[in-house]
Protein backbone atom coordinates (compact mmCIF):
# COMPACT_ATOMS: atom_id res chain seq x y z
CA UNK A 1 -17.50 32.10 -26.39
CA UNK A 2 -19.77 31.02 -28.99
CA UNK A 3 -17.14 28.15 -30.37
CA UNK A 4 -16.66 27.12 -26.82
CA UNK A 5 -20.84 26.60 -26.62
CA UNK A 6 -21.30 25.13 -29.91
CA UNK A 7 -18.54 22.29 -29.42
CA UNK A 8 -20.00 21.10 -25.95
CA UNK A 9 -23.23 21.22 -27.39
CA UNK A 10 -22.18 18.81 -30.17
CA UNK A 11 -20.07 16.80 -27.95
CA UNK A 12 -22.76 16.46 -25.73
CA UNK A 13 -25.28 15.22 -28.76
CA UNK A 14 -22.90 12.77 -29.12
CA UNK A 15 -22.53 11.33 -26.07
CA UNK A 16 -26.03 11.04 -25.02
CA UNK A 17 -25.94 7.83 -26.85
CA UNK A 18 -22.63 6.54 -26.24
CA UNK A 19 -21.93 8.16 -22.73
CA UNK A 20 -25.32 9.21 -21.14
CA UNK A 21 -23.83 9.80 -17.87
CA UNK A 22 -20.79 11.57 -19.19
CA UNK A 23 -23.47 13.83 -21.13
CA UNK A 24 -25.50 14.35 -17.91
CA UNK A 25 -22.75 15.56 -16.16
CA UNK A 26 -21.57 17.72 -19.31
CA UNK A 27 -24.93 19.47 -19.24
CA UNK A 28 -24.55 20.25 -15.48
CA UNK A 29 -21.41 21.94 -16.00
CA UNK A 30 -21.80 23.85 -18.36
CA UNK A 31 -25.32 25.40 -16.99
CA UNK A 32 -23.27 25.60 -13.83
CA UNK A 33 -20.60 27.66 -15.69
CA UNK A 34 -23.27 30.15 -18.13
CA UNK A 35 -24.96 30.36 -14.67
CA UNK A 36 -21.99 32.06 -13.55
CA UNK A 37 -20.62 34.04 -15.99
CA UNK A 38 -24.24 35.60 -17.25
CA UNK A 39 -24.63 36.45 -13.10
CA UNK A 40 -23.67 40.41 -12.85
CA UNK A 41 -24.22 41.07 -9.79
CA UNK A 42 -20.65 40.83 -8.27
CA UNK A 43 -17.51 41.85 -10.63
CA UNK A 44 -15.41 40.42 -8.28
CA UNK A 45 -15.04 36.67 -6.68
CA UNK A 46 -12.71 35.30 -4.01
CA UNK A 47 -10.14 32.85 -6.06
CA UNK A 48 -11.66 29.60 -4.15
CA UNK A 49 -14.80 30.64 -5.90
CA UNK A 50 -13.23 31.47 -9.45
CA UNK A 51 -11.23 28.15 -9.33
CA UNK A 52 -14.73 26.42 -8.37
CA UNK A 53 -16.16 27.44 -11.75
CA UNK A 54 -13.16 27.29 -13.73
CA UNK A 55 -13.03 23.54 -12.67
CA UNK A 56 -16.30 22.66 -14.40
CA UNK A 57 -14.95 24.39 -17.54
CA UNK A 58 -12.10 22.27 -17.19
CA UNK A 59 -14.38 19.29 -17.10
CA UNK A 60 -15.99 20.21 -20.03
CA UNK A 61 -12.51 20.48 -21.98
CA UNK A 62 -11.43 17.07 -20.54
CA UNK A 63 -14.64 15.72 -22.24
CA UNK A 64 -13.74 17.01 -25.44
CA UNK A 65 -9.64 16.35 -25.92
CA UNK A 66 -9.61 13.40 -23.58
CA UNK A 67 -6.19 12.09 -22.80
CA UNK A 68 -4.45 14.90 -24.91
CA UNK A 69 -5.44 17.65 -22.45
CA UNK A 70 -3.53 17.88 -18.63
CA UNK A 71 -3.86 20.62 -16.37
CA UNK A 72 -2.27 20.58 -13.18
CA UNK A 73 -2.52 23.60 -10.45
CA UNK A 74 -0.68 25.20 -7.98
CA UNK A 75 -2.39 27.92 -5.89
CA UNK A 76 -0.99 28.66 -2.57
CA UNK A 77 -3.79 28.60 0.08
CA UNK A 78 -2.95 32.56 1.33
CA UNK A 79 -4.28 33.31 -2.21
CA UNK A 80 -7.53 31.84 -2.47
CA UNK A 81 -9.42 34.16 -0.08
CA UNK A 82 -7.96 37.61 -1.73
CA UNK A 83 -11.13 38.93 -4.57
CA UNK A 84 -10.04 38.88 -8.12
CA UNK A 85 -12.43 39.59 -11.11
CA UNK A 86 -14.84 37.07 -12.28
CA UNK A 87 -13.80 34.82 -14.91
CA UNK A 88 -10.02 35.67 -13.97
CA UNK A 89 -8.57 32.48 -15.48
CA UNK A 90 -10.88 31.18 -17.42
CA UNK A 91 -10.02 33.27 -21.13
CA UNK A 92 -6.28 32.68 -20.06
CA UNK A 93 -6.68 28.96 -20.38
CA UNK A 94 -8.73 29.11 -23.19
CA UNK A 95 -6.13 30.85 -24.97
CA UNK A 96 -3.67 28.33 -24.06
CA UNK A 97 -5.81 25.68 -25.31
CA UNK A 98 -6.38 27.19 -28.29
CA UNK A 99 -2.77 27.72 -29.19
CA UNK A 100 -0.75 25.79 -26.80
CA UNK A 101 -0.97 22.34 -28.35
CA UNK A 102 2.74 20.81 -29.28
CA UNK A 103 3.16 19.05 -32.26
CA UNK A 104 1.77 15.56 -30.62
CA UNK A 105 -1.40 17.95 -30.77
CA UNK A 106 -1.37 17.40 -26.90
CA UNK A 107 -2.13 20.27 -24.99
CA UNK A 108 -0.42 20.56 -21.22
CA UNK A 109 -1.34 23.72 -18.84
CA UNK A 110 -0.08 24.60 -15.66
CA UNK A 111 -1.42 27.53 -13.55
CA UNK A 112 0.42 28.78 -10.83
CA UNK A 113 -0.61 31.53 -8.27
CA UNK A 114 0.82 32.60 -5.11
CA UNK A 115 0.44 35.34 -2.32
CA UNK A 116 2.90 38.25 -1.65
CA UNK A 117 3.63 41.35 0.61
CA UNK A 118 2.94 42.89 -3.09
CA UNK A 119 -0.42 40.94 -4.05
CA UNK A 120 -1.03 38.12 -5.87
CA UNK A 121 0.96 36.76 -8.79
CA UNK A 122 0.03 34.17 -11.36
CA UNK A 123 1.02 32.59 -14.90
CA UNK A 124 -1.23 30.05 -17.03
CA UNK A 125 2.04 28.35 -18.90
CA UNK A 126 1.20 26.16 -22.03
CA UNK A 127 3.87 23.55 -23.35
CA UNK A 128 3.38 24.47 -26.75
CA UNK A 129 5.52 25.78 -29.55
CA UNK A 130 5.51 29.56 -27.86
CA UNK A 131 4.85 32.48 -30.12
CA UNK A 132 7.16 33.64 -32.71
CA UNK A 133 8.97 36.87 -31.83
CA UNK A 134 7.06 39.20 -34.07
CA UNK A 135 3.35 38.21 -32.48
CA UNK A 136 4.47 38.16 -29.30
CA UNK A 137 5.57 41.59 -29.69
CA UNK A 138 2.39 42.63 -31.49
CA UNK A 139 0.45 40.75 -28.13
CA UNK A 140 2.57 42.54 -25.86
CA UNK A 141 1.88 45.77 -28.27
CA UNK A 142 -1.67 45.09 -27.93
CA UNK A 143 -2.57 45.03 -24.25
CA UNK A 144 -0.67 48.22 -24.04
CA UNK A 145 -2.80 49.62 -26.06
CA UNK A 146 -6.68 51.58 -25.46
CA UNK A 147 -8.17 49.63 -28.15
CA UNK A 148 -8.48 46.19 -29.26
CA UNK A 149 -9.13 45.43 -32.91
CA UNK A 150 -7.88 41.89 -32.80
CA UNK A 151 -8.78 38.58 -32.39
CA UNK A 152 -6.99 38.08 -28.76
CA UNK A 153 -9.96 39.53 -27.36
CA UNK A 154 -10.04 37.33 -23.97
CA UNK A 155 -6.39 38.50 -23.48
CA UNK A 156 -7.32 42.01 -23.61
CA UNK A 157 -10.34 42.20 -22.29
CA UNK A 158 -8.90 40.13 -18.45
CA UNK A 159 -5.76 43.12 -18.94
CA UNK A 160 -8.14 45.43 -19.29
CA UNK A 161 -10.44 44.64 -16.46
CA UNK A 162 -7.55 44.57 -14.11
CA UNK A 163 -6.00 47.62 -15.15
CA UNK A 164 -9.83 49.62 -14.82
CA UNK A 165 -10.07 47.78 -11.29
CA UNK A 166 -7.04 47.96 -9.79
CA UNK A 167 -4.80 50.45 -11.85
CA UNK A 168 -2.07 50.83 -14.96
CA UNK A 169 0.41 49.10 -12.67
CA UNK A 170 -1.26 45.67 -12.49
CA UNK A 171 -2.07 43.11 -15.78
CA UNK A 172 -0.77 40.95 -17.61
CA UNK A 173 2.36 40.11 -19.34
CA UNK A 174 2.93 37.86 -21.93
CA UNK A 175 6.63 35.89 -22.55
CA UNK A 176 7.91 32.73 -24.18
CA UNK A 177 10.59 31.33 -21.73
CA UNK A 178 13.52 29.77 -23.63
CA UNK A 179 12.46 26.35 -22.55
CA UNK A 180 9.80 26.68 -24.92
CA UNK A 181 5.70 27.34 -24.33
CA UNK A 182 3.99 30.11 -23.56
CA UNK A 183 3.89 31.97 -20.40
CA UNK A 184 1.17 34.77 -19.27
CA UNK A 185 1.42 36.05 -16.51
CA UNK A 186 -0.63 38.30 -14.08
CA UNK A 187 -0.23 40.39 -11.16
CA UNK A 188 -2.92 41.95 -8.78
CA UNK A 189 -3.79 43.03 -5.28
CA UNK A 190 -4.30 41.13 -2.40
CA UNK A 191 -7.89 42.30 -1.60
CA UNK A 192 -9.47 40.29 1.39
CA UNK A 193 -12.63 42.56 1.40
CA UNK A 194 -15.41 42.76 -1.41
CA UNK A 195 -15.48 46.06 -2.35
CA UNK A 196 -11.70 47.62 -1.66
CA UNK A 197 -9.46 48.14 -4.50
């Protein structure tokens, strides 16, 4: 995302004088994340590896948002060695950061992933205001369609990548729980060997 890159570089520019050690850490996180995202040798990686690079992204964003951003994970150990599409979670979390702030501007995001006999299931959940019903229906229609002409490219691209790799029974589901916030769930098969489908 060009906006993420621009905002990160702007933050680094100010932090070089104010917090040089934090600026160095941000540069290291950003370079690791960029190397990972532009490396096209692998389409799928273990969930463990994807989570490792997700932490670089989270750390960069925590420098930006400070205490306003709270991120939590609950990941089942038996899912860690399964292969998933590379950069599976980062666009979903980026979307939650963009739209999931509460009225005070605080952002609370939780990622949950578990594995059962049917595959890997997970969700990125924010505690923001939720999505209006008409917008929710539009997003659901978007991920069900074959083309995307909207600004919601991250969610759409993840859904399409999952379906292209594993078939139409897998993908994303977007919901707004009664207690508030937005939940973007996903499901995919538990693949333990690279190259399997």
